[in-house]
Amino acid sequence: MLNLNSVMIGTKQTQVLTTFYEKVLGKPAEMVDKENGFFGWQVGSSYFSILDHSEMGGKTKDPGRVMLNFETSQVKEEFERIKALGAVVIRAPYEMGGGWIATLADPDGNYFQLVSPMPQ
């Protein structure tokens, strides 16, 4: 059985994305290696990081191909908070299967979703 250990976003805008995700996650990066352009956070049971990548300039070309899902019981409230931070609204909160989902984009255009916890 596999366990998702981490998700990394490669970018040429490490400081822009790091600042954005510090606000989204409500805490500064816990691992910082400015020399190598690496910034990371423990988020739940996975690790999330931003990495300076020389070949990842500009906006993402296929923003919906891979999406990060951040689980919260307050999808509507978090949607409003993160929208106010400058996230681009892709889809406002909507109900699906008894839960809520909202889709936004970060400064590089990567899509991420806010999702209700899944029933056990």
PDB file of N, CA and C in Angstrom:
ATOM      1  N   MET A   1       0.839  -1.187   0.000  1.00  0.00           N
ATOM      2  CA  MET A   1       0.000   0.000   0.000  1.00  0.00           C
ATOM      3  C   MET A   1       0.877   1.240   0.000  1.00  0.00           C
ATOM      4  N   LEU A   2       0.501   2.232  -0.779  1.00  0.00           N
ATOM      5  CA  LEU A   2       1.260   3.472  -0.871  1.00  0.00           C
ATOM      6  C   LEU A   2       0.662   4.533   0.047  1.00  0.00           C
ATOM      7  N   ASN A   3       1.508   5.446   0.492  1.00  0.00           N
ATOM      8  CA  ASN A   3       1.090   6.579   1.300  1.00  0.00           C
ATOM      9  C   ASN A   3       1.618   7.837   0.623  1.00  0.00           C
ATOM     10  N   LEU A   4       0.740   8.790   0.328  1.00  0.00           N
ATOM     11  CA  LEU A   4       1.191  10.042  -0.267  1.00  0.00           C
ATOM     12  C   LEU A   4       2.012  10.797   0.766  1.00  0.00           C
ATOM     13  N   ASN A   5       3.278  10.982   0.471  1.00  0.00           N
ATOM     14  CA  ASN A   5       4.219  11.589   1.397  1.00  0.00           C
ATOM     15  C   ASN A   5       4.277  13.102   1.244  1.00  0.00           C
ATOM     16  N   SER A   6       4.296  13.574  -0.022  1.00  0.00           N
ATOM     17  CA  SER A   6       4.439  15.011  -0.219  1.00  0.00           C
ATOM     18  C   SER A   6       3.977  15.431  -1.607  1.00  0.00           C
ATOM     19  N   VAL A   7       3.748  16.732  -1.728  1.00  0.00           N
ATOM     20  CA  VAL A   7       3.415  17.362  -3.003  1.00  0.00           C
ATOM     21  C   VAL A   7       4.334  18.563  -3.134  1.00  0.00           C
ATOM     22  N   MET A   8       4.950  18.708  -4.300  1.00  0.00           N
ATOM     23  CA  MET A   8       5.872  19.811  -4.536  1.00  0.00           C
ATOM     24  C   MET A   8       5.428  20.584  -5.773  1.00  0.00           C
ATOM     25  N   ILE A   9       5.461  21.910  -5.673  1.00  0.00           N
ATOM     26  CA  ILE A   9       5.174  22.768  -6.825  1.00  0.00           C
ATOM     27  C   ILE A   9       6.477  23.422  -7.252  1.00  0.00           C
ATOM     28  N   GLY A  10       6.868  23.197  -8.506  1.00  0.00           N
ATOM     29  CA  GLY A  10       8.042  23.848  -9.074  1.00  0.00           C
ATOM     30  C   GLY A  10       7.640  25.177  -9.692  1.00  0.00           C
ATOM     31  N   THR A  11       8.452  26.207  -9.496  1.00  0.00           N
ATOM     32  CA  THR A  11       8.116  27.549  -9.968  1.00  0.00           C
ATOM     33  C   THR A  11       9.363  28.414 -10.085  1.00  0.00           C
ATOM     34  N   LYS A  12       9.260  29.495 -10.805  1.00  0.00           N
ATOM     35  CA  LYS A  12      10.300  30.529 -10.801  1.00  0.00           C
ATOM     36  C   LYS A  12       9.894  31.653  -9.855  1.00  0.00           C
ATOM     37  N   GLN A  13       8.686  31.569  -9.284  1.00  0.00           N
ATOM     38  CA  GLN A  13       8.184  32.594  -8.358  1.00  0.00           C
ATOM     39  C   GLN A  13       8.123  32.046  -6.941  1.00  0.00           C
ATOM     40  N   THR A  14       9.246  31.540  -6.436  1.00  0.00           N
ATOM     41  CA  THR A  14       9.211  30.906  -5.119  1.00  0.00           C
ATOM     42  C   THR A  14       8.719  31.863  -4.033  1.00  0.00           C
ATOM     43  N   GLN A  15       9.185  33.100  -4.050  1.00  0.00           N
ATOM     44  CA  GLN A  15       8.785  34.016  -2.976  1.00  0.00           C
ATOM     45  C   GLN A  15       7.309  34.371  -3.064  1.00  0.00           C
ATOM     46  N   VAL A  16       6.800  34.574  -4.278  1.00  0.00           N
ATOM     47  CA  VAL A  16       5.378  34.898  -4.461  1.00  0.00           C
ATOM     48  C   VAL A  16       4.512  33.735  -3.969  1.00  0.00           C
ATOM     49  N   LEU A  17       4.833  32.522  -4.402  1.00  0.00           N
ATOM     50  CA  LEU A  17       4.028  31.369  -3.985  1.00  0.00           C
ATOM     51  C   LEU A  17       4.194  31.069  -2.501  1.00  0.00           C
ATOM     52  N   THR A  18       5.401  31.209  -1.976  1.00  0.00           N
ATOM     53  CA  THR A  18       5.611  30.969  -0.547  1.00  0.00           C
ATOM     54  C   THR A  18       4.792  31.941   0.284  1.00  0.00           C
ATOM     55  N   THR A  19       4.820  33.210  -0.064  1.00  0.00           N
ATOM     56  CA  THR A  19       4.034  34.213   0.659  1.00  0.00           C
ATOM     57  C   THR A  19       2.544  33.888   0.570  1.00  0.00           C
ATOM     58  N   PHE A  20       2.079  33.505  -0.620  1.00  0.00           N
ATOM     59  CA  PHE A  20       0.670  33.168  -0.819  1.00  0.00           C
ATOM     60  C   PHE A  20       0.277  31.977   0.064  1.00  0.00           C
ATOM     61  N   TYR A  21       1.041  30.885   0.000  1.00  0.00           N
ATOM     62  CA  TYR A  21       0.675  29.692   0.761  1.00  0.00           C
ATOM     63  C   TYR A  21       0.894  29.871   2.263  1.00  0.00           C
ATOM     64  N   GLU A  22       1.793  30.742   2.691  1.00  0.00           N
ATOM     65  CA  GLU A  22       1.898  31.055   4.120  1.00  0.00           C
ATOM     66  C   GLU A  22       0.589  31.654   4.613  1.00  0.00           C
ATOM     67  N   LYS A  23      -0.012  32.496   3.796  1.00  0.00           N
ATOM     68  CA  LYS A  23      -1.303  33.099   4.159  1.00  0.00           C
ATOM     69  C   LYS A  23      -2.419  32.066   4.092  1.00  0.00           C
ATOM     70  N   VAL A  24      -2.432  31.245   3.059  1.00  0.00           N
ATOM     71  CA  VAL A  24      -3.463  30.208   2.931  1.00  0.00           C
ATOM     72  C   VAL A  24      -3.399  29.240   4.112  1.00  0.00           C
ATOM     73  N   LEU A  25      -2.195  28.779   4.439  1.00  0.00           N
ATOM     74  CA  LEU A  25      -2.029  27.785   5.502  1.00  0.00           C
ATOM     75  C   LEU A  25      -1.993  28.397   6.903  1.00  0.00           C
ATOM     76  N   GLY A  26      -1.862  29.720   6.967  1.00  0.00           N
ATOM     77  CA  GLY A  26      -1.887  30.400   8.255  1.00  0.00           C
ATOM     78  C   GLY A  26      -0.640  30.222   9.090  1.00  0.00           C
ATOM     79  N   LYS A  27       0.489  29.934   8.429  1.00  0.00           N
ATOM     80  CA  LYS A  27       1.739  29.778   9.170  1.00  0.00           C
ATOM     81  C   LYS A  27       2.912  29.909   8.204  1.00  0.00           C
ATOM     82  N   PRO A  28       4.068  30.348   8.715  1.00  0.00           N
ATOM     83  CA  PRO A  28       5.244  30.444   7.848  1.00  0.00           C
ATOM     84  C   PRO A  28       5.748  29.059   7.465  1.00  0.00           C
ATOM     85  N   ALA A  29       6.515  29.012   6.405  1.00  0.00           N
ATOM     86  CA  ALA A  29       7.127  27.749   5.992  1.00  0.00           C
ATOM     87  C   ALA A  29       7.962  27.215   7.147  1.00  0.00           C
ATOM     88  N   GLU A  30       7.844  25.923   7.385  1.00  0.00           N
ATOM     89  CA  GLU A  30       8.560  25.293   8.491  1.00  0.00           C
ATOM     90  C   GLU A  30       9.956  24.858   8.089  1.00  0.00           C
ATOM     91  N   MET A  31      10.142  24.611   6.814  1.00  0.00           N
ATOM     92  CA  MET A  31      11.463  24.281   6.303  1.00  0.00           C
ATOM     93  C   MET A  31      11.810  25.326   5.250  1.00  0.00           C
ATOM     94  N   VAL A  32      12.916  26.003   5.450  1.00  0.00           N
ATOM     95  CA  VAL A  32      13.334  27.050   4.531  1.00  0.00           C
ATOM     96  C   VAL A  32      14.787  26.832   4.151  1.00  0.00           C
ATOM     97  N   ASP A  33      15.036  26.717   2.862  1.00  0.00           N
ATOM     98  CA  ASP A  33      16.391  26.607   2.329  1.00  0.00           C
ATOM     99  C   ASP A  33      16.470  27.604   1.179  1.00  0.00           C
ATOM    100  N   LYS A  34      16.719  28.873   1.521  1.00  0.00           N
ATOM    101  CA  LYS A  34      16.731  29.935   0.513  1.00  0.00           C
ATOM    102  C   LYS A  34      17.811  29.709  -0.535  1.00  0.00           C
ATOM    103  N   GLU A  35      18.936  29.157  -0.133  1.00  0.00           N
ATOM    104  CA  GLU A  35      20.030  28.922  -1.068  1.00  0.00           C
ATOM    105  C   GLU A  35      19.601  28.016  -2.227  1.00  0.00           C
ATOM    106  N   ASN A  36      18.781  27.024  -1.919  1.00  0.00           N
ATOM    107  CA  ASN A  36      18.305  26.092  -2.938  1.00  0.00           C
ATOM    108  C   ASN A  36      16.874  26.373  -3.380  1.00  0.00           C
ATOM    109  N   GLY A  37      16.266  27.444  -2.865  1.00  0.00           N
ATOM    110  CA  GLY A  37      14.922  27.821  -3.268  1.00  0.00           C
ATOM    111  C   GLY A  37      13.860  26.827  -2.857  1.00  0.00           C
ATOM    112  N   PHE A  38      13.911  26.354  -1.615  1.00  0.00           N
ATOM    113  CA  PHE A  38      12.963  25.357  -1.127  1.00  0.00           C
ATOM    114  C   PHE A  38      12.254  25.876   0.114  1.00  0.00           C
ATOM    115  N   PHE A  39      10.913  25.731   0.126  1.00  0.00           N
ATOM    116  CA  PHE A  39      10.090  26.159   1.249  1.00  0.00           C
ATOM    117  C   PHE A  39       9.025  25.091   1.471  1.00  0.00           C
ATOM    118  N   GLY A  40       8.825  24.654   2.724  1.00  0.00           N
ATOM    119  CA  GLY A  40       7.870  23.574   2.936  1.00  0.00           C
ATOM    120  C   GLY A  40       7.110  23.653   4.240  1.00  0.00           C
ATOM    121  N   TRP A  41       5.954  22.973   4.239  1.00  0.00           N
ATOM    122  CA  TRP A  41       5.042  22.917   5.373  1.00  0.00           C
ATOM    123  C   TRP A  41       4.548  21.495   5.578  1.00  0.00           C
ATOM    124  N   GLN A  42       4.360  21.112   6.823  1.00  0.00           N
ATOM    125  CA  GLN A  42       3.617  19.897   7.141  1.00  0.00           C
ATOM    126  C   GLN A  42       2.147  20.295   7.114  1.00  0.00           C
ATOM    127  N   VAL A  43       1.359  19.599   6.310  1.00  0.00           N
ATOM    128  CA  VAL A  43      -0.070  19.892   6.190  1.00  0.00           C
ATOM    129  C   VAL A  43      -0.805  18.573   6.385  1.00  0.00           C
ATOM    130  N   GLY A  44      -1.392  18.407   7.552  1.00  0.00           N
ATOM    131  CA  GLY A  44      -2.009  17.118   7.868  1.00  0.00           C
ATOM    132  C   GLY A  44      -0.927  16.055   7.905  1.00  0.00           C
ATOM    133  N   SER A  45      -1.164  14.946   7.219  1.00  0.00           N
ATOM    134  CA  SER A  45      -0.175  13.866   7.229  1.00  0.00           C
ATOM    135  C   SER A  45       0.775  13.922   6.036  1.00  0.00           C
ATOM    136  N   SER A  46       0.649  14.965   5.209  1.00  0.00           N
ATOM    137  CA  SER A  46       1.525  15.110   4.038  1.00  0.00           C
ATOM    138  C   SER A  46       2.374  16.366   4.157  1.00  0.00           C
ATOM    139  N   TYR A  47       3.402  16.416   3.330  1.00  0.00           N
ATOM    140  CA  TYR A  47       4.283  17.574   3.284  1.00  0.00           C
ATOM    141  C   TYR A  47       4.026  18.318   1.982  1.00  0.00           C
ATOM    142  N   PHE A  48       3.944  19.636   2.044  1.00  0.00           N
ATOM    143  CA  PHE A  48       3.683  20.476   0.886  1.00  0.00           C
ATOM    144  C   PHE A  48       4.857  21.429   0.726  1.00  0.00           C
ATOM    145  N   SER A  49       5.382  21.535  -0.490  1.00  0.00           N
ATOM    146  CA  SER A  49       6.553  22.395  -0.676  1.00  0.00           C
ATOM    147  C   SER A  49       6.532  23.144  -1.995  1.00  0.00           C
ATOM    148  N   ILE A  50       7.294  24.228  -1.991  1.00  0.00           N
ATOM    149  CA  ILE A  50       7.528  25.077  -3.159  1.00  0.00           C
ATOM    150  C   ILE A  50       9.017  24.980  -3.451  1.00  0.00           C
ATOM    151  N   LEU A  51       9.375  24.767  -4.722  1.00  0.00           N
ATOM    152  CA  LEU A  51      10.769  24.610  -5.100  1.00  0.00           C
ATOM    153  C   LEU A  51      11.088  25.469  -6.310  1.00  0.00           C
ATOM    154  N   ASP A  52      12.187  26.203  -6.247  1.00  0.00           N
ATOM    155  CA  ASP A  52      12.665  26.962  -7.401  1.00  0.00           C
ATOM    156  C   ASP A  52      13.063  25.965  -8.485  1.00  0.00           C
ATOM    157  N   HIS A  53      12.421  26.089  -9.630  1.00  0.00           N
ATOM    158  CA  HIS A  53      12.659  25.157 -10.730  1.00  0.00           C
ATOM    159  C   HIS A  53      12.930  25.971 -11.991  1.00  0.00           C
ATOM    160  N   SER A  54      14.116  25.817 -12.553  1.00  0.00           N
ATOM    161  CA  SER A  54      14.573  26.652 -13.670  1.00  0.00           C
ATOM    162  C   SER A  54      13.718  26.524 -14.922  1.00  0.00           C
ATOM    163  N   GLU A  55      12.938  25.469 -15.057  1.00  0.00           N
ATOM    164  CA  GLU A  55      12.154  25.281 -16.270  1.00  0.00           C
ATOM    165  C   GLU A  55      10.662  25.469 -16.056  1.00  0.00           C
ATOM    166  N   MET A  56      10.263  26.074 -14.941  1.00  0.00           N
ATOM    167  CA  MET A  56       8.849  26.253 -14.641  1.00  0.00           C
ATOM    168  C   MET A  56       8.482  27.727 -14.571  1.00  0.00           C
ATOM    169  N   GLY A  57       8.782  28.480 -15.605  1.00  0.00           N
ATOM    170  CA  GLY A  57       8.446  29.896 -15.630  1.00  0.00           C
ATOM    171  C   GLY A  57       7.048  30.131 -16.170  1.00  0.00           C
ATOM    172  N   GLY A  58       6.444  31.233 -15.769  1.00  0.00           N
ATOM    173  CA  GLY A  58       5.123  31.606 -16.270  1.00  0.00           C
ATOM    174  C   GLY A  58       4.006  30.830 -15.607  1.00  0.00           C
ATOM    175  N   LYS A  59       2.809  31.048 -16.132  1.00  0.00           N
ATOM    176  CA  LYS A  59       1.620  30.378 -15.598  1.00  0.00           C
ATOM    177  C   LYS A  59       1.605  28.915 -16.011  1.00  0.00           C
ATOM    178  N   THR A  60       0.990  28.098 -15.182  1.00  0.00           N
ATOM    179  CA  THR A  60       0.862  26.679 -15.493  1.00  0.00           C
ATOM    180  C   THR A  60       0.041  26.495 -16.769  1.00  0.00           C
ATOM    181  N   LYS A  61       0.411  25.551 -17.587  1.00  0.00           N
ATOM    182  CA  LYS A  61      -0.247  25.351 -18.875  1.00  0.00           C
ATOM    183  C   LYS A  61      -1.512  24.515 -18.782  1.00  0.00           C
ATOM    184  N   ASP A  62      -1.591  23.583 -17.851  1.00  0.00           N
ATOM    185  CA  ASP A  62      -2.766  22.732 -17.637  1.00  0.00           C
ATOM    186  C   ASP A  62      -3.151  22.795 -16.158  1.00  0.00           C
ATOM    187  N   PRO A  63      -3.773  23.888 -15.705  1.00  0.00           N
ATOM    188  CA  PRO A  63      -3.980  24.098 -14.277  1.00  0.00           C
ATOM    189  C   PRO A  63      -4.869  23.077 -13.586  1.00  0.00           C
ATOM    190  N   GLY A  64      -5.734  22.405 -14.318  1.00  0.00           N
ATOM    191  CA  GLY A  64      -6.618  21.439 -13.684  1.00  0.00           C
ATOM    192  C   GLY A  64      -6.138  20.009 -13.755  1.00  0.00           C
ATOM    193  N   ARG A  65      -4.971  19.793 -14.351  1.00  0.00           N
ATOM    194  CA  ARG A  65      -4.467  18.425 -14.512  1.00  0.00           C
ATOM    195  C   ARG A  65      -4.199  17.765 -13.160  1.00  0.00           C
ATOM    196  N   VAL A  66      -3.578  18.483 -12.255  1.00  0.00           N
ATOM    197  CA  VAL A  66      -3.339  17.997 -10.897  1.00  0.00           C
ATOM    198  C   VAL A  66      -3.858  19.072  -9.947  1.00  0.00           C
ATOM    199  N   MET A  67      -4.699  18.686  -9.010  1.00  0.00           N
ATOM    200  CA  MET A  67      -5.239  19.661  -8.060  1.00  0.00           C
ATOM    201  C   MET A  67      -4.939  19.241  -6.631  1.00  0.00           C
ATOM    202  N   LEU A  68      -4.582  20.214  -5.838  1.00  0.00           N
ATOM    203  CA  LEU A  68      -4.409  19.997  -4.407  1.00  0.00           C
ATOM    204  C   LEU A  68      -5.781  20.118  -3.765  1.00  0.00           C
ATOM    205  N   ASN A  69      -6.093  19.260  -2.816  1.00  0.00           N
ATOM    206  CA  ASN A  69      -7.334  19.363  -2.062  1.00  0.00           C
ATOM    207  C   ASN A  69      -6.995  19.639  -0.609  1.00  0.00           C
ATOM    208  N   PHE A  70      -7.483  20.760  -0.104  1.00  0.00           N
ATOM    209  CA  PHE A  70      -7.330  21.110   1.300  1.00  0.00           C
ATOM    210  C   PHE A  70      -8.667  20.852   1.975  1.00  0.00           C
ATOM    211  N   GLU A  71      -8.666  19.948   2.952  1.00  0.00           N
ATOM    212  CA  GLU A  71      -9.890  19.567   3.640  1.00  0.00           C
ATOM    213  C   GLU A  71     -10.210  20.555   4.758  1.00  0.00           C
ATOM    214  N   THR A  72     -11.480  20.971   4.813  1.00  0.00           N
ATOM    215  CA  THR A  72     -11.951  21.859   5.866  1.00  0.00           C
ATOM    216  C   THR A  72     -13.450  21.684   6.039  1.00  0.00           C
ATOM    217  N   SER A  73     -13.920  21.803   7.263  1.00  0.00           N
ATOM    218  CA  SER A  73     -15.361  21.745   7.505  1.00  0.00           C
ATOM    219  C   SER A  73     -15.996  23.106   7.247  1.00  0.00           C
ATOM    220  N   GLN A  74     -15.176  24.103   6.939  1.00  0.00           N
ATOM    221  CA  GLN A  74     -15.667  25.465   6.699  1.00  0.00           C
ATOM    222  C   GLN A  74     -15.313  25.921   5.286  1.00  0.00           C
ATOM    223  N   VAL A  75     -15.774  25.194   4.291  1.00  0.00           N
ATOM    224  CA  VAL A  75     -15.436  25.488   2.897  1.00  0.00           C
ATOM    225  C   VAL A  75     -15.829  26.915   2.515  1.00  0.00           C
ATOM    226  N   LYS A  76     -17.037  27.327   2.822  1.00  0.00           N
ATOM    227  CA  LYS A  76     -17.507  28.668   2.417  1.00  0.00           C
ATOM    228  C   LYS A  76     -16.683  29.769   3.079  1.00  0.00           C
ATOM    229  N   GLU A  77     -16.415  29.626   4.370  1.00  0.00           N
ATOM    230  CA  GLU A  77     -15.648  30.648   5.094  1.00  0.00           C
ATOM    231  C   GLU A  77     -14.201  30.705   4.604  1.00  0.00           C
ATOM    232  N   GLU A  78     -13.586  29.544   4.425  1.00  0.00           N
ATOM    233  CA  GLU A  78     -12.207  29.507   3.929  1.00  0.00           C
ATOM    234  C   GLU A  78     -12.127  30.018   2.497  1.00  0.00           C
ATOM    235  N   PHE A  79     -13.139  29.726   1.692  1.00  0.00           N
ATOM    236  CA  PHE A  79     -13.197  30.246   0.326  1.00  0.00           C
ATOM    237  C   PHE A  79     -13.142  31.778   0.347  1.00  0.00           C
ATOM    238  N   GLU A  80     -13.958  32.395   1.165  1.00  0.00           N
ATOM    239  CA  GLU A  80     -13.984  33.867   1.249  1.00  0.00           C
ATOM    240  C   GLU A  80     -12.650  34.413   1.749  1.00  0.00           C
ATOM    241  N   ARG A  81     -12.069  33.756   2.749  1.00  0.00           N
ATOM    242  CA  ARG A  81     -10.783  34.203   3.301  1.00  0.00           C
ATOM    243  C   ARG A  81      -9.685  34.124   2.249  1.00  0.00           C
ATOM    244  N   ILE A  82      -9.609  33.010   1.542  1.00  0.00           N
ATOM    245  CA  ILE A  82      -8.537  32.805   0.574  1.00  0.00           C
ATOM    246  C   ILE A  82      -8.760  33.648  -0.675  1.00  0.00           C
ATOM    247  N   LYS A  83      -9.998  33.840  -1.063  1.00  0.00           N
ATOM    248  CA  LYS A  83     -10.306  34.744  -2.186  1.00  0.00           C
ATOM    249  C   LYS A  83      -9.802  36.157  -1.871  1.00  0.00           C
ATOM    250  N   ALA A  84      -9.984  36.596  -0.621  1.00  0.00           N
ATOM    251  CA  ALA A  84      -9.521  37.924  -0.201  1.00  0.00           C
ATOM    252  C   ALA A  84      -7.994  38.029  -0.208  1.00  0.00           C
ATOM    253  N   LEU A  85      -7.289  36.893  -0.154  1.00  0.00           N
ATOM    254  CA  LEU A  85      -5.824  36.893  -0.217  1.00  0.00           C
ATOM    255  C   LEU A  85      -5.308  37.065  -1.642  1.00  0.00           C
ATOM    256  N   GLY A  86      -6.224  37.019  -2.624  1.00  0.00           N
ATOM    257  CA  GLY A  86      -5.824  37.199  -4.009  1.00  0.00           C
ATOM    258  C   GLY A  86      -5.923  35.956  -4.869  1.00  0.00           C
ATOM    259  N   ALA A  87      -6.449  34.867  -4.319  1.00  0.00           N
ATOM    260  CA  ALA A  87      -6.629  33.664  -5.132  1.00  0.00           C
ATOM    261  C   ALA A  87      -7.658  33.949  -6.216  1.00  0.00           C
ATOM    262  N   VAL A  88      -7.475  33.350  -7.365  1.00  0.00           N
ATOM    263  CA  VAL A  88      -8.419  33.495  -8.469  1.00  0.00           C
ATOM    264  C   VAL A  88      -9.522  32.461  -8.289  1.00  0.00           C
ATOM    265  N   VAL A  89     -10.759  32.923  -8.357  1.00  0.00           N
ATOM    266  CA  VAL A  89     -11.895  32.010  -8.211  1.00  0.00           C
ATOM    267  C   VAL A  89     -12.109  31.258  -9.523  1.00  0.00           C
ATOM    268  N   ILE A  90     -12.046  29.956  -9.447  1.00  0.00           N
ATOM    269  CA  ILE A  90     -12.342  29.102 -10.598  1.00  0.00           C
ATOM    270  C   ILE A  90     -13.793  28.642 -10.504  1.00  0.00           C
ATOM    271  N   ARG A  91     -14.194  28.219  -9.308  1.00  0.00           N
ATOM    272  CA  ARG A  91     -15.592  27.852  -9.068  1.00  0.00           C
ATOM    273  C   ARG A  91     -15.920  28.098  -7.601  1.00  0.00           C
ATOM    274  N   ALA A  92     -16.958  28.896  -7.388  1.00  0.00           N
ATOM    275  CA  ALA A  92     -17.426  29.207  -6.033  1.00  0.00           C
ATOM    276  C   ALA A  92     -17.928  27.933  -5.360  1.00  0.00           C
ATOM    277  N   PRO A  93     -18.061  27.955  -4.035  1.00  0.00           N
ATOM    278  CA  PRO A  93     -18.507  26.751  -3.332  1.00  0.00           C
ATOM    279  C   PRO A  93     -19.824  26.192  -3.887  1.00  0.00           C
ATOM    280  N   TYR A  94     -19.839  24.883  -4.047  1.00  0.00           N
ATOM    281  CA  TYR A  94     -21.036  24.191  -4.499  1.00  0.00           C
ATOM    282  C   TYR A  94     -21.137  22.863  -3.752  1.00  0.00           C
ATOM    283  N   GLU A  95     -22.358  22.379  -3.629  1.00  0.00           N
ATOM    284  CA  GLU A  95     -22.592  21.140  -2.907  1.00  0.00           C
ATOM    285  C   GLU A  95     -22.513  19.954  -3.849  1.00  0.00           C
ATOM    286  N   MET A  96     -21.887  18.891  -3.362  1.00  0.00           N
ATOM    287  CA  MET A  96     -21.801  17.658  -4.145  1.00  0.00           C
ATOM    288  C   MET A  96     -21.800  16.481  -3.169  1.00  0.00           C
ATOM    289  N   GLY A  97     -22.763  15.621  -3.310  1.00  0.00           N
ATOM    290  CA  GLY A  97     -22.816  14.418  -2.483  1.00  0.00           C
ATOM    291  C   GLY A  97     -22.871  14.684  -0.997  1.00  0.00           C
ATOM    292  N   GLY A  98     -23.497  15.774  -0.592  1.00  0.00           N
ATOM    293  CA  GLY A  98     -23.616  16.105   0.822  1.00  0.00           C
ATOM    294  C   GLY A  98     -22.444  16.888   1.384  1.00  0.00           C
ATOM    295  N   GLY A  99     -21.435  17.141   0.572  1.00  0.00           N
ATOM    296  CA  GLY A  99     -20.281  17.940   0.999  1.00  0.00           C
ATOM    297  C   GLY A  99     -20.135  19.173   0.130  1.00  0.00           C
ATOM    298  N   TRP A 100     -19.161  19.985   0.447  1.00  0.00           N
ATOM    299  CA  TRP A 100     -18.923  21.225  -0.299  1.00  0.00           C
ATOM    300  C   TRP A 100     -17.551  21.208  -0.943  1.00  0.00           C
ATOM    301  N   ILE A 101     -17.454  21.852  -2.117  1.00  0.00           N
ATOM    302  CA  ILE A 101     -16.205  21.963  -2.872  1.00  0.00           C
ATOM    303  C   ILE A 101     -16.119  23.379  -3.429  1.00  0.00           C
ATOM    304  N   ALA A 102     -14.936  23.943  -3.444  1.00  0.00           N
ATOM    305  CA  ALA A 102     -14.664  25.224  -4.107  1.00  0.00           C
ATOM    306  C   ALA A 102     -13.310  25.096  -4.787  1.00  0.00           C
ATOM    307  N   THR A 103     -13.153  25.716  -5.950  1.00  0.00           N
ATOM    308  CA  THR A 103     -11.894  25.634  -6.687  1.00  0.00           C
ATOM    309  C   THR A 103     -11.334  27.034  -6.889  1.00  0.00           C
ATOM    310  N   LEU A 104     -10.039  27.193  -6.576  1.00  0.00           N
ATOM    311  CA  LEU A 104      -9.340  28.466  -6.724  1.00  0.00           C
ATOM    312  C   LEU A 104      -8.014  28.219  -7.433  1.00  0.00           C
ATOM    313  N   ALA A 105      -7.318  29.303  -7.772  1.00  0.00           N
ATOM    314  CA  ALA A 105      -5.995  29.188  -8.384  1.00  0.00           C
ATOM    315  C   ALA A 105      -5.003  30.067  -7.636  1.00  0.00           C
ATOM    316  N   ASP A 106      -3.764  29.567  -7.517  1.00  0.00           N
ATOM    317  CA  ASP A 106      -2.698  30.325  -6.864  1.00  0.00           C
ATOM    318  C   ASP A 106      -2.056  31.294  -7.862  1.00  0.00           C
ATOM    319  N   PRO A 107      -1.055  32.080  -7.456  1.00  0.00           N
ATOM    320  CA  PRO A 107      -0.440  33.057  -8.365  1.00  0.00           C
ATOM    321  C   PRO A 107       0.206  32.469  -9.621  1.00  0.00           C
ATOM    322  N   ASP A 108       0.570  31.188  -9.621  1.00  0.00           N
ATOM    323  CA  ASP A 108       1.104  30.549 -10.828  1.00  0.00           C
ATOM    324  C   ASP A 108      -0.008  29.958 -11.689  1.00  0.00           C
ATOM    325  N   GLY A 109      -1.247  30.010 -11.198  1.00  0.00           N
ATOM    326  CA  GLY A 109      -2.371  29.461 -11.939  1.00  0.00           C
ATOM    327  C   GLY A 109      -2.696  28.021 -11.594  1.00  0.00           C
ATOM    328  N   ASN A 110      -1.984  27.430 -10.623  1.00  0.00           N
ATOM    329  CA  ASN A 110      -2.271  26.064 -10.195  1.00  0.00           C
ATOM    330  C   ASN A 110      -3.612  26.023  -9.475  1.00  0.00           C
ATOM    331  N   TYR A 111      -4.463  25.079  -9.836  1.00  0.00           N
ATOM    332  CA  TYR A 111      -5.755  24.940  -9.185  1.00  0.00           C
ATOM    333  C   TYR A 111      -5.596  24.207  -7.855  1.00  0.00           C
ATOM    334  N   PHE A 112      -6.380  24.622  -6.882  1.00  0.00           N
ATOM    335  CA  PHE A 112      -6.513  23.884  -5.632  1.00  0.00           C
ATOM    336  C   PHE A 112      -7.952  23.975  -5.180  1.00  0.00           C
ATOM    337  N   GLN A 113      -8.366  22.972  -4.412  1.00  0.00           N
ATOM    338  CA  GLN A 113      -9.752  22.925  -3.977  1.00  0.00           C
ATOM    339  C   GLN A 113      -9.842  22.905  -2.464  1.00  0.00           C
ATOM    340  N   LEU A 114     -10.926  23.461  -1.984  1.00  0.00           N
ATOM    341  CA  LEU A 114     -11.316  23.334  -0.599  1.00  0.00           C
ATOM    342  C   LEU A 114     -12.438  22.307  -0.604  1.00  0.00           C
ATOM    343  N   VAL A 115     -12.327  21.294   0.231  1.00  0.00           N
ATOM    344  CA  VAL A 115     -13.309  20.210   0.232  1.00  0.00           C
ATOM    345  C   VAL A 115     -13.741  19.876   1.661  1.00  0.00           C
ATOM    346  N   SER A 116     -15.005  19.524   1.782  1.00  0.00           N
ATOM    347  CA  SER A 116     -15.524  19.055   3.071  1.00  0.00           C
ATOM    348  C   SER A 116     -14.873  17.729   3.426  1.00  0.00           C
ATOM    349  N   PRO A 117     -14.716  17.439   4.713  1.00  0.00           N
ATOM    350  CA  PRO A 117     -14.192  16.122   5.091  1.00  0.00           C
ATOM    351  C   PRO A 117     -15.100  15.023   4.539  1.00  0.00           C
ATOM    352  N   MET A 118     -14.493  13.954   4.104  1.00  0.00           N
ATOM    353  CA  MET A 118     -15.266  12.812   3.587  1.00  0.00           C
ATOM    354  C   MET A 118     -15.820  12.029   4.772  1.00  0.00           C
ATOM    355  N   PRO A 119     -17.037  11.524   4.633  1.00  0.00           N
ATOM    356  CA  PRO A 119     -17.603  10.704   5.725  1.00  0.00           C
ATOM    357  C   PRO A 119     -16.746   9.461   5.950  1.00  0.00           C
ATOM    358  N   GLN A 120     -16.662   9.045   7.194  1.00  0.00           N
ATOM    359  CA  GLN A 120     -15.852   7.869   7.531  1.00  0.00           C
ATOM    360  C   GLN A 120     -16.515   6.599   7.078  1.00  0.00           C
TER     361      GLN A 120
END
